[in-house]
């Protein structure tokens, strides 16, 4: 989802440009460029930025839903063994079928054979 403050700014600007042809499309392009700049320079969300570097491509994708598991993956290590171990929910921070590999998002997505 586009942040609400961007959506509201888009609506306000479209109201000012209501007699301009393709106003919403032009305003959206400008606001997505501003959002991209903020995204590139933000200190938080660096894990998600590695996965979704281009805001416009993510917003305009034609496939995929944002579901619980995707949200957990995009937001970082929650519900992975290493994270669960820190809070005493599992007995080890290592993957169940391995004794030397931590189950963290980077490993699960980019290296794990599962």
PDB file of N, CA and C in Angstrom:
ATOM      1  N   UNK A   1       0.831  -1.189   0.000  1.00  0.00           N
ATOM      2  CA  UNK A   1       0.000   0.000   0.000  1.00  0.00           C
ATOM      3  C   UNK A   1       0.872   1.247   0.000  1.00  0.00           C
ATOM      4  N   UNK A   2       0.392   2.221  -0.662  1.00  0.00           N
ATOM      5  CA  UNK A   2       1.055   3.517  -0.633  1.00  0.00           C
ATOM      6  C   UNK A   2       0.705   4.167   0.703  1.00  0.00           C
ATOM      7  N   UNK A   3       1.675   4.758   1.390  1.00  0.00           N
ATOM      8  CA  UNK A   3       1.377   5.402   2.671  1.00  0.00           C
ATOM      9  C   UNK A   3       0.252   6.423   2.546  1.00  0.00           C
ATOM     10  N   UNK A   4      -0.550   6.532   3.581  1.00  0.00           N
ATOM     11  CA  UNK A   4      -1.729   7.394   3.542  1.00  0.00           C
ATOM     12  C   UNK A   4      -1.364   8.846   3.272  1.00  0.00           C
ATOM     13  N   UNK A   5      -0.241   9.312   3.804  1.00  0.00           N
ATOM     14  CA  UNK A   5       0.102  10.716   3.568  1.00  0.00           C
ATOM     15  C   UNK A   5       0.404  10.978   2.090  1.00  0.00           C
ATOM     16  N   UNK A   6       0.899   9.962   1.378  1.00  0.00           N
ATOM     17  CA  UNK A   6       1.140  10.097  -0.062  1.00  0.00           C
ATOM     18  C   UNK A   6      -0.198  10.097  -0.803  1.00  0.00           C
ATOM     19  N   UNK A   7      -1.090   9.202  -0.414  1.00  0.00           N
ATOM     20  CA  UNK A   7      -2.406   9.119  -1.045  1.00  0.00           C
ATOM     21  C   UNK A   7      -3.176  10.426  -0.855  1.00  0.00           C
ATOM     22  N   UNK A   8      -3.125  10.977   0.350  1.00  0.00           N
ATOM     23  CA  UNK A   8      -3.811  12.249   0.618  1.00  0.00           C
ATOM     24  C   UNK A   8      -3.192  13.392  -0.184  1.00  0.00           C
ATOM     25  N   UNK A   9      -1.874  13.434  -0.251  1.00  0.00           N
ATOM     26  CA  UNK A   9      -1.209  14.470  -1.043  1.00  0.00           C
ATOM     27  C   UNK A   9      -1.592  14.346  -2.515  1.00  0.00           C
ATOM     28  N   UNK A  10      -1.724  13.117  -2.987  1.00  0.00           N
ATOM     29  CA  UNK A  10      -2.139  12.875  -4.367  1.00  0.00           C
ATOM     30  C   UNK A  10      -3.544  13.412  -4.599  1.00  0.00           C
ATOM     31  N   UNK A  11      -4.450  13.135  -3.676  1.00  0.00           N
ATOM     32  CA  UNK A  11      -5.825  13.617  -3.812  1.00  0.00           C
ATOM     33  C   UNK A  11      -5.902  15.136  -3.803  1.00  0.00           C
ATOM     34  N   UNK A  12      -5.147  15.769  -2.911  1.00  0.00           N
ATOM     35  CA  UNK A  12      -5.141  17.233  -2.834  1.00  0.00           C
ATOM     36  C   UNK A  12      -4.617  17.821  -4.141  1.00  0.00           C
ATOM     37  N   UNK A  13      -3.494  17.295  -4.613  1.00  0.00           N
ATOM     38  CA  UNK A  13      -2.897  17.819  -5.847  1.00  0.00           C
ATOM     39  C   UNK A  13      -3.821  17.591  -7.044  1.00  0.00           C
ATOM     40  N   UNK A  14      -4.496  16.464  -7.095  1.00  0.00           N
ATOM     41  CA  UNK A  14      -5.434  16.188  -8.188  1.00  0.00           C
ATOM     42  C   UNK A  14      -6.617  17.148  -8.150  1.00  0.00           C
ATOM     43  N   UNK A  15      -7.016  17.522  -6.955  1.00  0.00           N
ATOM     44  CA  UNK A  15      -8.090  18.492  -6.811  1.00  0.00           C
ATOM     45  C   UNK A  15      -7.672  19.836  -7.421  1.00  0.00           C
ATOM     46  N   UNK A  16      -6.440  20.250  -7.154  1.00  0.00           N
ATOM     47  CA  UNK A  16      -5.939  21.503  -7.721  1.00  0.00           C
ATOM     48  C   UNK A  16      -5.800  21.435  -9.242  1.00  0.00           C
ATOM     49  N   UNK A  17      -5.522  20.241  -9.746  1.00  0.00           N
ATOM     50  CA  UNK A  17      -5.294  20.068 -11.185  1.00  0.00           C
ATOM     51  C   UNK A  17      -6.464  19.370 -11.873  1.00  0.00           C
ATOM     52  N   UNK A  18      -7.659  19.532 -11.351  1.00  0.00           N
ATOM     53  CA  UNK A  18      -8.807  18.757 -11.851  1.00  0.00           C
ATOM     54  C   UNK A  18      -9.109  18.987 -13.323  1.00  0.00           C
ATOM     55  N   UNK A  19      -8.678  20.080 -13.902  1.00  0.00           N
ATOM     56  CA  UNK A  19      -8.931  20.331 -15.324  1.00  0.00           C
ATOM     57  C   UNK A  19      -7.748  19.930 -16.208  1.00  0.00           C
ATOM     58  N   UNK A  20      -6.744  19.309 -15.592  1.00  0.00           N
ATOM     59  CA  UNK A  20      -5.559  18.882 -16.333  1.00  0.00           C
ATOM     60  C   UNK A  20      -5.734  17.440 -16.794  1.00  0.00           C
ATOM     61  N   UNK A  21      -5.445  17.219 -18.052  1.00  0.00           N
ATOM     62  CA  UNK A  21      -5.562  15.863 -18.595  1.00  0.00           C
ATOM     63  C   UNK A  21      -4.517  14.951 -17.945  1.00  0.00           C
ATOM     64  N   UNK A  22      -4.919  13.751 -17.560  1.00  0.00           N
ATOM     65  CA  UNK A  22      -4.050  12.758 -16.916  1.00  0.00           C
ATOM     66  C   UNK A  22      -3.440  13.260 -15.612  1.00  0.00           C
ATOM     67  N   UNK A  23      -4.131  14.120 -14.917  1.00  0.00           N
ATOM     68  CA  UNK A  23      -3.599  14.718 -13.691  1.00  0.00           C
ATOM     69  C   UNK A  23      -3.212  13.649 -12.669  1.00  0.00           C
ATOM     70  N   UNK A  24      -4.080  12.680 -12.427  1.00  0.00           N
ATOM     71  CA  UNK A  24      -3.789  11.668 -11.401  1.00  0.00           C
ATOM     72  C   UNK A  24      -2.538  10.879 -11.759  1.00  0.00           C
ATOM     73  N   UNK A  25      -2.391  10.494 -13.002  1.00  0.00           N
ATOM     74  CA  UNK A  25      -1.206   9.734 -13.419  1.00  0.00           C
ATOM     75  C   UNK A  25       0.065  10.560 -13.239  1.00  0.00           C
ATOM     76  N   UNK A  26       0.028  11.824 -13.630  1.00  0.00           N
ATOM     77  CA  UNK A  26       1.199  12.693 -13.504  1.00  0.00           C
ATOM     78  C   UNK A  26       1.548  12.954 -12.042  1.00  0.00           C
ATOM     79  N   UNK A  27       0.531  13.182 -11.228  1.00  0.00           N
ATOM     80  CA  UNK A  27       0.766  13.417  -9.800  1.00  0.00           C
ATOM     81  C   UNK A  27       1.320  12.155  -9.153  1.00  0.00           C
ATOM     82  N   UNK A  28       0.785  10.991  -9.508  1.00  0.00           N
ATOM     83  CA  UNK A  28       1.247   9.717  -8.942  1.00  0.00           C
ATOM     84  C   UNK A  28       2.717   9.495  -9.270  1.00  0.00           C
ATOM     85  N   UNK A  29       3.123   9.760 -10.489  1.00  0.00           N
ATOM     86  CA  UNK A  29       4.526   9.589 -10.884  1.00  0.00           C
ATOM     87  C   UNK A  29       5.418  10.472 -10.023  1.00  0.00           C
ATOM     88  N   UNK A  30       5.029  11.738  -9.838  1.00  0.00           N
ATOM     89  CA  UNK A  30       5.817  12.664  -9.035  1.00  0.00           C
ATOM     90  C   UNK A  30       5.894  12.210  -7.582  1.00  0.00           C
ATOM     91  N   UNK A  31       4.769  11.821  -7.005  1.00  0.00           N
ATOM     92  CA  UNK A  31       4.757  11.408  -5.600  1.00  0.00           C
ATOM     93  C   UNK A  31       5.499  10.092  -5.384  1.00  0.00           C
ATOM     94  N   UNK A  32       5.431   9.169  -6.337  1.00  0.00           N
ATOM     95  CA  UNK A  32       6.202   7.927  -6.214  1.00  0.00           C
ATOM     96  C   UNK A  32       7.703   8.214  -6.279  1.00  0.00           C
ATOM     97  N   UNK A  33       8.088   9.191  -7.059  1.00  0.00           N
ATOM     98  CA  UNK A  33       9.507   9.579  -7.105  1.00  0.00           C
ATOM     99  C   UNK A  33       9.940  10.133  -5.747  1.00  0.00           C
ATOM    100  N   UNK A  34       9.094  10.944  -5.121  1.00  0.00           N
ATOM    101  CA  UNK A  34       9.406  11.467  -3.782  1.00  0.00           C
ATOM    102  C   UNK A  34       9.464  10.336  -2.761  1.00  0.00           C
ATOM    103  N   UNK A  35       8.519   9.401  -2.850  1.00  0.00           N
ATOM    104  CA  UNK A  35       8.512   8.259  -1.940  1.00  0.00           C
ATOM    105  C   UNK A  35       9.757   7.405  -2.141  1.00  0.00           C
ATOM    106  N   UNK A  36      10.179   7.226  -3.381  1.00  0.00           N
ATOM    107  CA  UNK A  36      11.390   6.458  -3.670  1.00  0.00           C
ATOM    108  C   UNK A  36      12.605   7.116  -3.030  1.00  0.00           C
ATOM    109  N   UNK A  37      12.678   8.428  -3.114  1.00  0.00           N
ATOM    110  CA  UNK A  37      13.786   9.165  -2.499  1.00  0.00           C
ATOM    111  C   UNK A  37      13.797   8.944  -0.982  1.00  0.00           C
ATOM    112  N   UNK A  38      12.628   9.042  -0.358  1.00  0.00           N
ATOM    113  CA  UNK A  38      12.521   8.795   1.085  1.00  0.00           C
ATOM    114  C   UNK A  38      12.940   7.364   1.415  1.00  0.00           C
ATOM    115  N   UNK A  39      12.492   6.414   0.611  1.00  0.00           N
ATOM    116  CA  UNK A  39      12.783   4.996   0.822  1.00  0.00           C
ATOM    117  C   UNK A  39      14.280   4.723   0.722  1.00  0.00           C
ATOM    118  N   UNK A  40      14.909   5.327  -0.259  1.00  0.00           N
ATOM    119  CA  UNK A  40      16.354   5.132  -0.444  1.00  0.00           C
ATOM    120  C   UNK A  40      17.179   5.721   0.691  1.00  0.00           C
ATOM    121  N   UNK A  41      16.683   6.766   1.320  1.00  0.00           N
ATOM    122  CA  UNK A  41      17.441   7.470   2.349  1.00  0.00           C
ATOM    123  C   UNK A  41      16.998   7.154   3.771  1.00  0.00           C
ATOM    124  N   UNK A  42      15.992   6.318   3.939  1.00  0.00           N
ATOM    125  CA  UNK A  42      15.503   5.983   5.280  1.00  0.00           C
ATOM    126  C   UNK A  42      16.525   5.125   6.022  1.00  0.00           C
ATOM    127  N   UNK A  43      16.621   5.330   7.316  1.00  0.00           N
ATOM    128  CA  UNK A  43      17.528   4.517   8.129  1.00  0.00           C
ATOM    129  C   UNK A  43      16.893   3.190   8.507  1.00  0.00           C
ATOM    130  N   UNK A  44      15.596   3.163   8.655  1.00  0.00           N
ATOM    131  CA  UNK A  44      14.898   1.925   9.006  1.00  0.00           C
ATOM    132  C   UNK A  44      14.435   1.222   7.732  1.00  0.00           C
ATOM    133  N   UNK A  45      14.169  -0.063   7.856  1.00  0.00           N
ATOM    134  CA  UNK A  45      13.648  -0.818   6.735  1.00  0.00           C
ATOM    135  C   UNK A  45      14.685  -1.268   5.734  1.00  0.00           C
ATOM    136  N   UNK A  46      15.937  -1.326   6.136  1.00  0.00           N
ATOM    137  CA  UNK A  46      17.005  -1.696   5.201  1.00  0.00           C
ATOM    138  C   UNK A  46      16.858  -3.127   4.709  1.00  0.00           C
ATOM    139  N   UNK A  47      16.384  -4.036   5.568  1.00  0.00           N
ATOM    140  CA  UNK A  47      16.156  -5.424   5.141  1.00  0.00           C
ATOM    141  C   UNK A  47      15.118  -5.445   4.020  1.00  0.00           C
ATOM    142  N   UNK A  48      14.014  -4.753   4.218  1.00  0.00           N
ATOM    143  CA  UNK A  48      12.951  -4.718   3.216  1.00  0.00           C
ATOM    144  C   UNK A  48      13.443  -4.010   1.953  1.00  0.00           C
ATOM    145  N   UNK A  49      14.274  -2.994   2.097  1.00  0.00           N
ATOM    146  CA  UNK A  49      14.805  -2.280   0.935  1.00  0.00           C
ATOM    147  C   UNK A  49      15.641  -3.205   0.051  1.00  0.00           C
ATOM    148  N   UNK A  50      16.346  -4.161   0.661  1.00  0.00           N
ATOM    149  CA  UNK A  50      17.111  -5.131  -0.138  1.00  0.00           C
ATOM    150  C   UNK A  50      16.184  -5.951  -1.029  1.00  0.00           C
ATOM    151  N   UNK A  51      15.001  -6.246  -0.522  1.00  0.00           N
ATOM    152  CA  UNK A  51      14.059  -7.093  -1.247  1.00  0.00           C
ATOM    153  C   UNK A  51      13.180  -6.295  -2.209  1.00  0.00           C
ATOM    154  N   UNK A  52      12.845  -5.078  -1.822  1.00  0.00           N
ATOM    155  CA  UNK A  52      11.971  -4.220  -2.627  1.00  0.00           C
ATOM    156  C   UNK A  52      12.676  -2.869  -2.810  1.00  0.00           C
ATOM    157  N   UNK A  53      13.663  -2.801  -3.691  1.00  0.00           N
ATOM    158  CA  UNK A  53      14.396  -1.548  -3.849  1.00  0.00           C
ATOM    159  C   UNK A  53      13.626  -0.484  -4.624  1.00  0.00           C
ATOM    160  N   UNK A  54      12.700  -0.899  -5.488  1.00  0.00           N
ATOM    161  CA  UNK A  54      11.973   0.052  -6.334  1.00  0.00           C
ATOM    162  C   UNK A  54      10.503   0.117  -5.908  1.00  0.00           C
ATOM    163  N   UNK A  55      10.117   1.231  -5.338  1.00  0.00           N
ATOM    164  CA  UNK A  55       8.749   1.410  -4.850  1.00  0.00           C
ATOM    165  C   UNK A  55       7.741   1.304  -5.986  1.00  0.00           C
ATOM    166  N   UNK A  56       8.020   1.948  -7.091  1.00  0.00           N
ATOM    167  CA  UNK A  56       7.088   1.956  -8.218  1.00  0.00           C
ATOM    168  C   UNK A  56       6.835   0.548  -8.755  1.00  0.00           C
ATOM    169  N   UNK A  57       7.889  -0.239  -8.891  1.00  0.00           N
ATOM    170  CA  UNK A  57       7.722  -1.623  -9.377  1.00  0.00           C
ATOM    171  C   UNK A  57       6.863  -2.436  -8.416  1.00  0.00           C
ATOM    172  N   UNK A  58       7.043  -2.217  -7.112  1.00  0.00           N
ATOM    173  CA  UNK A  58       6.257  -2.949  -6.116  1.00  0.00           C
ATOM    174  C   UNK A  58       4.789  -2.519  -6.161  1.00  0.00           C
ATOM    175  N   UNK A  59       4.540  -1.220  -6.239  1.00  0.00           N
ATOM    176  CA  UNK A  59       3.173  -0.700  -6.241  1.00  0.00           C
ATOM    177  C   UNK A  59       2.422  -1.153  -7.492  1.00  0.00           C
ATOM    178  N   UNK A  60       3.104  -1.205  -8.625  1.00  0.00           N
ATOM    179  CA  UNK A  60       2.444  -1.531  -9.888  1.00  0.00           C
ATOM    180  C   UNK A  60       2.535  -3.011 -10.282  1.00  0.00           C
ATOM    181  N   UNK A  61       3.012  -3.861  -9.392  1.00  0.00           N
ATOM    182  CA  UNK A  61       3.126  -5.279  -9.750  1.00  0.00           C
ATOM    183  C   UNK A  61       1.731  -5.843 -10.052  1.00  0.00           C
ATOM    184  N   UNK A  62       1.687  -6.803 -10.911  1.00  0.00           N
ATOM    185  CA  UNK A  62       0.417  -7.383 -11.353  1.00  0.00           C
ATOM    186  C   UNK A  62       0.122  -8.723 -10.682  1.00  0.00           C
ATOM    187  N   UNK A  63       0.955  -9.140  -9.749  1.00  0.00           N
ATOM    188  CA  UNK A  63       0.785 -10.449  -9.134  1.00  0.00           C
ATOM    189  C   UNK A  63       1.095 -10.376  -7.644  1.00  0.00           C
ATOM    190  N   UNK A  64       0.648 -11.364  -6.949  1.00  0.00           N
ATOM    191  CA  UNK A  64       1.001 -11.533  -5.545  1.00  0.00           C
ATOM    192  C   UNK A  64       0.171 -10.711  -4.586  1.00  0.00           C
ATOM    193  N   UNK A  65      -0.174 -11.345  -3.501  1.00  0.00           N
ATOM    194  CA  UNK A  65      -0.879 -10.679  -2.422  1.00  0.00           C
ATOM    195  C   UNK A  65       0.065 -10.538  -1.240  1.00  0.00           C
ATOM    196  N   UNK A  66      -0.168  -9.538  -0.433  1.00  0.00           N
ATOM    197  CA  UNK A  66       0.599  -9.401   0.793  1.00  0.00           C
ATOM    198  C   UNK A  66      -0.162 -10.176   1.861  1.00  0.00           C
ATOM    199  N   UNK A  67       0.371 -11.336   2.230  1.00  0.00           N
ATOM    200  CA  UNK A  67      -0.265 -12.196   3.224  1.00  0.00           C
ATOM    201  C   UNK A  67       0.620 -12.237   4.466  1.00  0.00           C
ATOM    202  N   UNK A  68       0.170 -12.917   5.491  1.00  0.00           N
ATOM    203  CA  UNK A  68       0.871 -12.979   6.765  1.00  0.00           C
ATOM    204  C   UNK A  68       2.344 -13.344   6.596  1.00  0.00           C
ATOM    205  N   UNK A  69       2.645 -14.420   5.881  1.00  0.00           N
ATOM    206  CA  UNK A  69       4.019 -14.892   5.764  1.00  0.00           C
ATOM    207  C   UNK A  69       4.894 -13.917   4.983  1.00  0.00           C
ATOM    208  N   UNK A  70       4.364 -13.321   3.940  1.00  0.00           N
ATOM    209  CA  UNK A  70       5.125 -12.338   3.189  1.00  0.00           C
ATOM    210  C   UNK A  70       5.400 -11.115   4.060  1.00  0.00           C
ATOM    211  N   UNK A  71       4.421 -10.692   4.831  1.00  0.00           N
ATOM    212  CA  UNK A  71       4.612  -9.557   5.735  1.00  0.00           C
ATOM    213  C   UNK A  71       5.695  -9.858   6.748  1.00  0.00           C
ATOM    214  N   UNK A  72       5.698 -11.058   7.312  1.00  0.00           N
ATOM    215  CA  UNK A  72       6.725 -11.437   8.276  1.00  0.00           C
ATOM    216  C   UNK A  72       8.102 -11.426   7.628  1.00  0.00           C
ATOM    217  N   UNK A  73       8.174 -11.942   6.425  1.00  0.00           N
ATOM    218  CA  UNK A  73       9.454 -11.975   5.726  1.00  0.00           C
ATOM    219  C   UNK A  73       9.949 -10.565   5.417  1.00  0.00           C
ATOM    220  N   UNK A  74       9.054  -9.715   4.901  1.00  0.00           N
ATOM    221  CA  UNK A  74       9.458  -8.362   4.529  1.00  0.00           C
ATOM    222  C   UNK A  74       9.834  -7.499   5.733  1.00  0.00           C
ATOM    223  N   UNK A  75       9.223  -7.784   6.875  1.00  0.00           N
ATOM    224  CA  UNK A  75       9.490  -6.944   8.046  1.00  0.00           C
ATOM    225  C   UNK A  75      10.682  -7.421   8.855  1.00  0.00           C
ATOM    226  N   UNK A  76      11.281  -8.536   8.491  1.00  0.00           N
ATOM    227  CA  UNK A  76      12.502  -8.965   9.172  1.00  0.00           C
ATOM    228  C   UNK A  76      12.414 -10.346   9.759  1.00  0.00           C
ATOM    229  N   UNK A  77      13.115 -10.570  10.870  1.00  0.00           N
ATOM    230  CA  UNK A  77      13.360 -11.931  11.347  1.00  0.00           C
ATOM    231  C   UNK A  77      12.241 -12.586  12.143  1.00  0.00           C
ATOM    232  N   UNK A  78      11.136 -11.945  12.363  1.00  0.00           N
ATOM    233  CA  UNK A  78      10.093 -12.533  13.195  1.00  0.00           C
ATOM    234  C   UNK A  78       9.663 -13.904  12.674  1.00  0.00           C
ATOM    235  N   UNK A  79       9.403 -14.782  13.574  1.00  0.00           N
ATOM    236  CA  UNK A  79       8.925 -16.140  13.303  1.00  0.00           C
ATOM    237  C   UNK A  79       9.961 -17.040  12.635  1.00  0.00           C
ATOM    238  N   UNK A  80      11.196 -16.635  12.647  1.00  0.00           N
ATOM    239  CA  UNK A  80      12.277 -17.515  12.243  1.00  0.00           C
ATOM    240  C   UNK A  80      12.911 -18.055  13.519  1.00  0.00           C
ATOM    241  N   UNK A  81      13.556 -19.192  13.434  1.00  0.00           N
ATOM    242  CA  UNK A  81      14.055 -19.883  14.621  1.00  0.00           C
ATOM    243  C   UNK A  81      14.935 -19.017  15.506  1.00  0.00           C
ATOM    244  N   UNK A  82      15.847 -18.264  14.916  1.00  0.00           N
ATOM    245  CA  UNK A  82      16.755 -17.454  15.728  1.00  0.00           C
ATOM    246  C   UNK A  82      15.978 -16.442  16.563  1.00  0.00           C
ATOM    247  N   UNK A  83      14.989 -15.825  15.978  1.00  0.00           N
ATOM    248  CA  UNK A  83      14.154 -14.844  16.679  1.00  0.00           C
ATOM    249  C   UNK A  83      13.315 -15.529  17.765  1.00  0.00           C
ATOM    250  N   UNK A  84      12.714 -16.647  17.420  1.00  0.00           N
ATOM    251  CA  UNK A  84      11.879 -17.372  18.387  1.00  0.00           C
ATOM    252  C   UNK A  84      12.714 -17.866  19.569  1.00  0.00           C
ATOM    253  N   UNK A  85      13.949 -18.238  19.312  1.00  0.00           N
ATOM    254  CA  UNK A  85      14.839 -18.705  20.374  1.00  0.00           C
ATOM    255  C   UNK A  85      15.117 -17.589  21.390  1.00  0.00           C
ATOM    256  N   UNK A  86      15.278 -16.381  20.906  1.00  0.00           N
ATOM    257  CA  UNK A  86      15.553 -15.251  21.802  1.00  0.00           C
ATOM    258  C   UNK A  86      14.457 -15.076  22.851  1.00  0.00           C
ATOM    259  N   UNK A  87      13.250 -15.459  22.526  1.00  0.00           N
ATOM    260  CA  UNK A  87      12.122 -15.282  23.438  1.00  0.00           C
ATOM    261  C   UNK A  87      11.667 -16.586  24.080  1.00  0.00           C
ATOM    262  N   UNK A  88      12.489 -17.626  23.943  1.00  0.00           N
ATOM    263  CA  UNK A  88      12.223 -18.883  24.620  1.00  0.00           C
ATOM    264  C   UNK A  88      11.098 -19.723  24.031  1.00  0.00           C
ATOM    265  N   UNK A  89      10.747 -19.485  22.771  1.00  0.00           N
ATOM    266  CA  UNK A  89       9.670 -20.250  22.142  1.00  0.00           C
ATOM    267  C   UNK A  89      10.142 -21.557  21.509  1.00  0.00           C
ATOM    268  N   UNK A  90      11.441 -21.664  21.247  1.00  0.00           N
ATOM    269  CA  UNK A  90      12.032 -22.902  20.724  1.00  0.00           C
ATOM    270  C   UNK A  90      13.314 -23.172  21.502  1.00  0.00           C
ATOM    271  N   UNK A  91      13.786 -24.396  21.447  1.00  0.00           N
ATOM    272  CA  UNK A  91      14.932 -24.782  22.269  1.00  0.00           C
ATOM    273  C   UNK A  91      16.291 -24.473  21.645  1.00  0.00           C
ATOM    274  N   UNK A  92      16.327 -24.094  20.370  1.00  0.00           N
ATOM    275  CA  UNK A  92      17.597 -23.802  19.708  1.00  0.00           C
ATOM    276  C   UNK A  92      17.383 -22.745  18.639  1.00  0.00           C
ATOM    277  N   UNK A  93      18.413 -21.949  18.374  1.00  0.00           N
ATOM    278  CA  UNK A  93      18.317 -20.945  17.316  1.00  0.00           C
ATOM    279  C   UNK A  93      18.732 -21.517  15.962  1.00  0.00           C
ATOM    280  N   UNK A  94      19.163 -22.761  15.964  1.00  0.00           N
ATOM    281  CA  UNK A  94      19.589 -23.413  14.727  1.00  0.00           C
ATOM    282  C   UNK A  94      18.401 -24.068  14.042  1.00  0.00           C
ATOM    283  N   UNK A  95      18.522 -24.259  12.746  1.00  0.00           N
ATOM    284  CA  UNK A  95      17.470 -24.940  11.994  1.00  0.00           C
ATOM    285  C   UNK A  95      17.268 -26.338  12.555  1.00  0.00           C
ATOM    286  N   UNK A  96      16.041 -26.831  12.565  1.00  0.00           N
ATOM    287  CA  UNK A  96      15.763 -28.160  13.123  1.00  0.00           C
ATOM    288  C   UNK A  96      16.564 -29.280  12.471  1.00  0.00           C
ATOM    289  N   UNK A  97      16.793 -29.228  11.178  1.00  0.00           N
ATOM    290  CA  UNK A  97      17.499 -30.319  10.509  1.00  0.00           C
ATOM    291  C   UNK A  97      18.992 -30.070  10.361  1.00  0.00           C
ATOM    292  N   UNK A  98      19.504 -29.023  11.016  1.00  0.00           N
ATOM    293  CA  UNK A  98      20.930 -28.710  10.911  1.00  0.00           C
ATOM    294  C   UNK A  98      21.462 -28.276  12.266  1.00  0.00           C
ATOM    295  N   UNK A  99      22.717 -28.545  12.507  1.00  0.00           N
ATOM    296  CA  UNK A  99      23.311 -28.149  13.782  1.00  0.00           C
ATOM    297  C   UNK A  99      24.235 -26.945  13.640  1.00  0.00           C
ATOM    298  N   UNK A 100      24.431 -26.454  12.411  1.00  0.00           N
ATOM    299  CA  UNK A 100      25.388 -25.360  12.248  1.00  0.00           C
ATOM    300  C   UNK A 100      24.869 -24.177  11.427  1.00  0.00           C
ATOM    301  N   UNK A 101      23.581 -24.120  11.134  1.00  0.00           N
ATOM    302  CA  UNK A 101      23.037 -23.034  10.327  1.00  0.00           C
ATOM    303  C   UNK A 101      21.909 -22.344  11.083  1.00  0.00           C
ATOM    304  N   UNK A 102      22.034 -21.048  11.269  1.00  0.00           N
ATOM    305  CA  UNK A 102      20.967 -20.267  11.895  1.00  0.00           C
ATOM    306  C   UNK A 102      19.843 -20.046  10.888  1.00  0.00           C
ATOM    307  N   UNK A 103      18.626 -20.184  11.363  1.00  0.00           N
ATOM    308  CA  UNK A 103      17.495 -19.922  10.479  1.00  0.00           C
ATOM    309  C   UNK A 103      17.131 -18.445  10.609  1.00  0.00           C
ATOM    310  N   UNK A 104      17.615 -17.653   9.667  1.00  0.00           N
ATOM    311  CA  UNK A 104      17.311 -16.237   9.595  1.00  0.00           C
ATOM    312  C   UNK A 104      16.762 -15.975   8.194  1.00  0.00           C
ATOM    313  N   UNK A 105      16.052 -14.875   7.981  1.00  0.00           N
ATOM    314  CA  UNK A 105      15.423 -14.638   6.675  1.00  0.00           C
ATOM    315  C   UNK A 105      16.385 -14.724   5.497  1.00  0.00           C
ATOM    316  N   UNK A 106      17.569 -14.130   5.612  1.00  0.00           N
ATOM    317  CA  UNK A 106      18.538 -14.166   4.509  1.00  0.00           C
ATOM    318  C   UNK A 106      18.822 -15.606   4.086  1.00  0.00           C
ATOM    319  N   UNK A 107      19.077 -16.452   5.063  1.00  0.00           N
ATOM    320  CA  UNK A 107      19.412 -17.840   4.763  1.00  0.00           C
ATOM    321  C   UNK A 107      18.230 -18.571   4.134  1.00  0.00           C
ATOM    322  N   UNK A 108      17.045 -18.430   4.743  1.00  0.00           N
ATOM    323  CA  UNK A 108      15.873 -19.168   4.261  1.00  0.00           C
ATOM    324  C   UNK A 108      15.547 -18.830   2.820  1.00  0.00           C
ATOM    325  N   UNK A 109      15.628 -17.562   2.450  1.00  0.00           N
ATOM    326  CA  UNK A 109      15.253 -17.157   1.102  1.00  0.00           C
ATOM    327  C   UNK A 109      16.375 -17.352   0.085  1.00  0.00           C
ATOM    328  N   UNK A 110      17.596 -17.039   0.454  1.00  0.00           N
ATOM    329  CA  UNK A 110      18.655 -17.012  -0.545  1.00  0.00           C
ATOM    330  C   UNK A 110      19.544 -18.252  -0.590  1.00  0.00           C
ATOM    331  N   UNK A 111      19.538 -19.081   0.459  1.00  0.00           N
ATOM    332  CA  UNK A 111      20.459 -20.207   0.477  1.00  0.00           C
ATOM    333  C   UNK A 111      19.809 -21.567   0.769  1.00  0.00           C
ATOM    334  N   UNK A 112      18.746 -21.581   1.536  1.00  0.00           N
ATOM    335  CA  UNK A 112      18.141 -22.832   1.990  1.00  0.00           C
ATOM    336  C   UNK A 112      17.615 -23.662   0.826  1.00  0.00           C
ATOM    337  N   UNK A 113      17.872 -24.951   0.880  1.00  0.00           N
ATOM    338  CA  UNK A 113      17.409 -25.847  -0.180  1.00  0.00           C
ATOM    339  C   UNK A 113      15.923 -26.155  -0.078  1.00  0.00           C
ATOM    340  N   UNK A 114      15.321 -25.842   1.081  1.00  0.00           N
ATOM    341  CA  UNK A 114      13.879 -26.070   1.210  1.00  0.00           C
ATOM    342  C   UNK A 114      13.169 -25.165   0.248  1.00  0.00           C
TER     343      UNK A 114
END
